[in-house]
């Protein structure tokens, strides 16, 4: 079956989503590490954790938007 007109765009979106997923996984590991700590978190650790969580939320939003784009490209590619 020949590739649809959105094949290349779909492939690029999927590669970007995969890269964001890997980055988010690494970020979640860092968050877990900071949370585990060795005792009561200090101000520096709390600030770092907040920044990491904000970045993780941003990545999650970007991934959700990419998933919507991927779904739309898949639907158009079948047309």
C-alpha atoms as a PDB file:
ATOM      1  CA  UNK A   1       0.000   0.000   0.000  1.00  0.00           C
ATOM      2  CA  UNK A   2       1.490   3.401  -0.984  1.00  0.00           C
ATOM      3  CA  UNK A   3       2.211   5.989   1.674  1.00  0.00           C
ATOM      4  CA  UNK A   4      -0.452   8.653   2.096  1.00  0.00           C
ATOM      5  CA  UNK A   5       0.177  12.369   1.622  1.00  0.00           C
ATOM      6  CA  UNK A   6       0.748  12.891   5.353  1.00  0.00           C
ATOM      7  CA  UNK A   7       3.185  10.002   5.782  1.00  0.00           C
ATOM      8  CA  UNK A   8       6.301  12.160   6.230  1.00  0.00           C
ATOM      9  CA  UNK A   9       4.590  14.607   8.589  1.00  0.00           C
ATOM     10  CA  UNK A  10       3.188  11.711  10.605  1.00  0.00           C
ATOM     11  CA  UNK A  11       6.615  10.123  10.879  1.00  0.00           C
ATOM     12  CA  UNK A  12       8.169  13.398  12.079  1.00  0.00           C
ATOM     13  CA  UNK A  13       5.422  13.870  14.673  1.00  0.00           C
ATOM     14  CA  UNK A  14       5.919  10.329  15.949  1.00  0.00           C
ATOM     15  CA  UNK A  15       9.678  10.815  16.228  1.00  0.00           C
ATOM     16  CA  UNK A  16       9.161  14.068  18.140  1.00  0.00           C
ATOM     17  CA  UNK A  17       6.678  12.358  20.463  1.00  0.00           C
ATOM     18  CA  UNK A  18       9.162   9.553  21.088  1.00  0.00           C
ATOM     19  CA  UNK A  19      11.905  12.075  21.947  1.00  0.00           C
ATOM     20  CA  UNK A  20       9.578  13.945  24.311  1.00  0.00           C
ATOM     21  CA  UNK A  21       8.573  10.674  25.956  1.00  0.00           C
ATOM     22  CA  UNK A  22      12.213   9.783  26.589  1.00  0.00           C
ATOM     23  CA  UNK A  23      12.900  13.256  28.000  1.00  0.00           C
ATOM     24  CA  UNK A  24       9.823  13.005  30.238  1.00  0.00           C
ATOM     25  CA  UNK A  25      10.934   9.592  31.524  1.00  0.00           C
ATOM     26  CA  UNK A  26      14.363  11.002  32.444  1.00  0.00           C
ATOM     27  CA  UNK A  27      12.710  13.989  34.091  1.00  0.00           C
ATOM     28  CA  UNK A  28      10.406  11.773  36.139  1.00  0.00           C
ATOM     29  CA  UNK A  29      13.433   9.795  37.325  1.00  0.00           C
ATOM     30  CA  UNK A  30      15.075  13.045  38.468  1.00  0.00           C
ATOM     31  CA  UNK A  31      11.884  14.058  40.272  1.00  0.00           C
ATOM     32  CA  UNK A  32      11.793  10.692  42.040  1.00  0.00           C
ATOM     33  CA  UNK A  33      15.474  11.081  43.012  1.00  0.00           C
ATOM     34  CA  UNK A  34      14.924  14.545  44.471  1.00  0.00           C
ATOM     35  CA  UNK A  35      11.814  13.362  46.325  1.00  0.00           C
ATOM     36  CA  UNK A  36      13.677  10.382  47.814  1.00  0.00           C
ATOM     37  CA  UNK A  37      16.377  12.653  49.238  1.00  0.00           C
ATOM     38  CA  UNK A  38      18.125  11.833  52.473  1.00  0.00           C
ATOM     39  CA  UNK A  39      15.913  13.681  54.912  1.00  0.00           C
ATOM     40  CA  UNK A  40      13.681  16.705  55.187  1.00  0.00           C
ATOM     41  CA  UNK A  41      13.959  18.715  51.980  1.00  0.00           C
ATOM     42  CA  UNK A  42      15.608  22.097  52.199  1.00  0.00           C
ATOM     43  CA  UNK A  43      14.594  25.188  50.278  1.00  0.00           C
ATOM     44  CA  UNK A  44      16.978  24.382  47.423  1.00  0.00           C
ATOM     45  CA  UNK A  45      15.552  20.884  47.018  1.00  0.00           C
ATOM     46  CA  UNK A  46      11.977  22.174  47.166  1.00  0.00           C
ATOM     47  CA  UNK A  47      12.762  24.796  44.503  1.00  0.00           C
ATOM     48  CA  UNK A  48      14.436  22.206  42.316  1.00  0.00           C
ATOM     49  CA  UNK A  49      11.497  19.845  42.716  1.00  0.00           C
ATOM     50  CA  UNK A  50       9.039  22.588  41.808  1.00  0.00           C
ATOM     51  CA  UNK A  51      11.006  23.501  38.669  1.00  0.00           C
ATOM     52  CA  UNK A  52      11.236  19.845  37.643  1.00  0.00           C
ATOM     53  CA  UNK A  53       7.520  19.319  38.178  1.00  0.00           C
ATOM     54  CA  UNK A  54       6.669  22.411  36.151  1.00  0.00           C
ATOM     55  CA  UNK A  55       8.874  21.195  33.312  1.00  0.00           C
ATOM     56  CA  UNK A  56       7.248  17.749  33.507  1.00  0.00           C
ATOM     57  CA  UNK A  57       3.786  19.333  33.270  1.00  0.00           C
ATOM     58  CA  UNK A  58       4.893  21.353  30.245  1.00  0.00           C
ATOM     59  CA  UNK A  59       6.254  18.222  28.562  1.00  0.00           C
ATOM     60  CA  UNK A  60       3.017  16.392  29.299  1.00  0.00           C
ATOM     61  CA  UNK A  61       1.008  19.178  27.672  1.00  0.00           C
ATOM     62  CA  UNK A  62       3.268  19.133  24.609  1.00  0.00           C
ATOM     63  CA  UNK A  63       2.900  15.344  24.336  1.00  0.00           C
ATOM     64  CA  UNK A  64      -0.899  15.566  24.549  1.00  0.00           C
ATOM     65  CA  UNK A  65      -0.907  18.186  21.791  1.00  0.00           C
ATOM     66  CA  UNK A  66       1.376  15.976  19.694  1.00  0.00           C
ATOM     67  CA  UNK A  67      -0.932  13.007  20.200  1.00  0.00           C
ATOM     68  CA  UNK A  68      -3.830  15.084  18.852  1.00  0.00           C
ATOM     69  CA  UNK A  69      -1.718  16.073  15.833  1.00  0.00           C
ATOM     70  CA  UNK A  70      -0.661  12.455  15.268  1.00  0.00           C
ATOM     71  CA  UNK A  71      -4.280  11.280  15.407  1.00  0.00           C
ATOM     72  CA  UNK A  72      -5.303  13.968  12.908  1.00  0.00           C
ATOM     73  CA  UNK A  73      -2.392  13.132  10.579  1.00  0.00           C
ATOM     74  CA  UNK A  74      -3.274   9.424  10.728  1.00  0.00           C
ATOM     75  CA  UNK A  75      -6.871  10.178   9.816  1.00  0.00           C
ATOM     76  CA  UNK A  76      -5.849  12.435   6.933  1.00  0.00           C
ATOM     77  CA  UNK A  77      -3.198   9.966   5.769  1.00  0.00           C
ATOM     78  CA  UNK A  78      -5.878   7.312   5.278  1.00  0.00           C
ATOM     79  CA  UNK A  79      -7.912   9.621   3.036  1.00  0.00           C
END
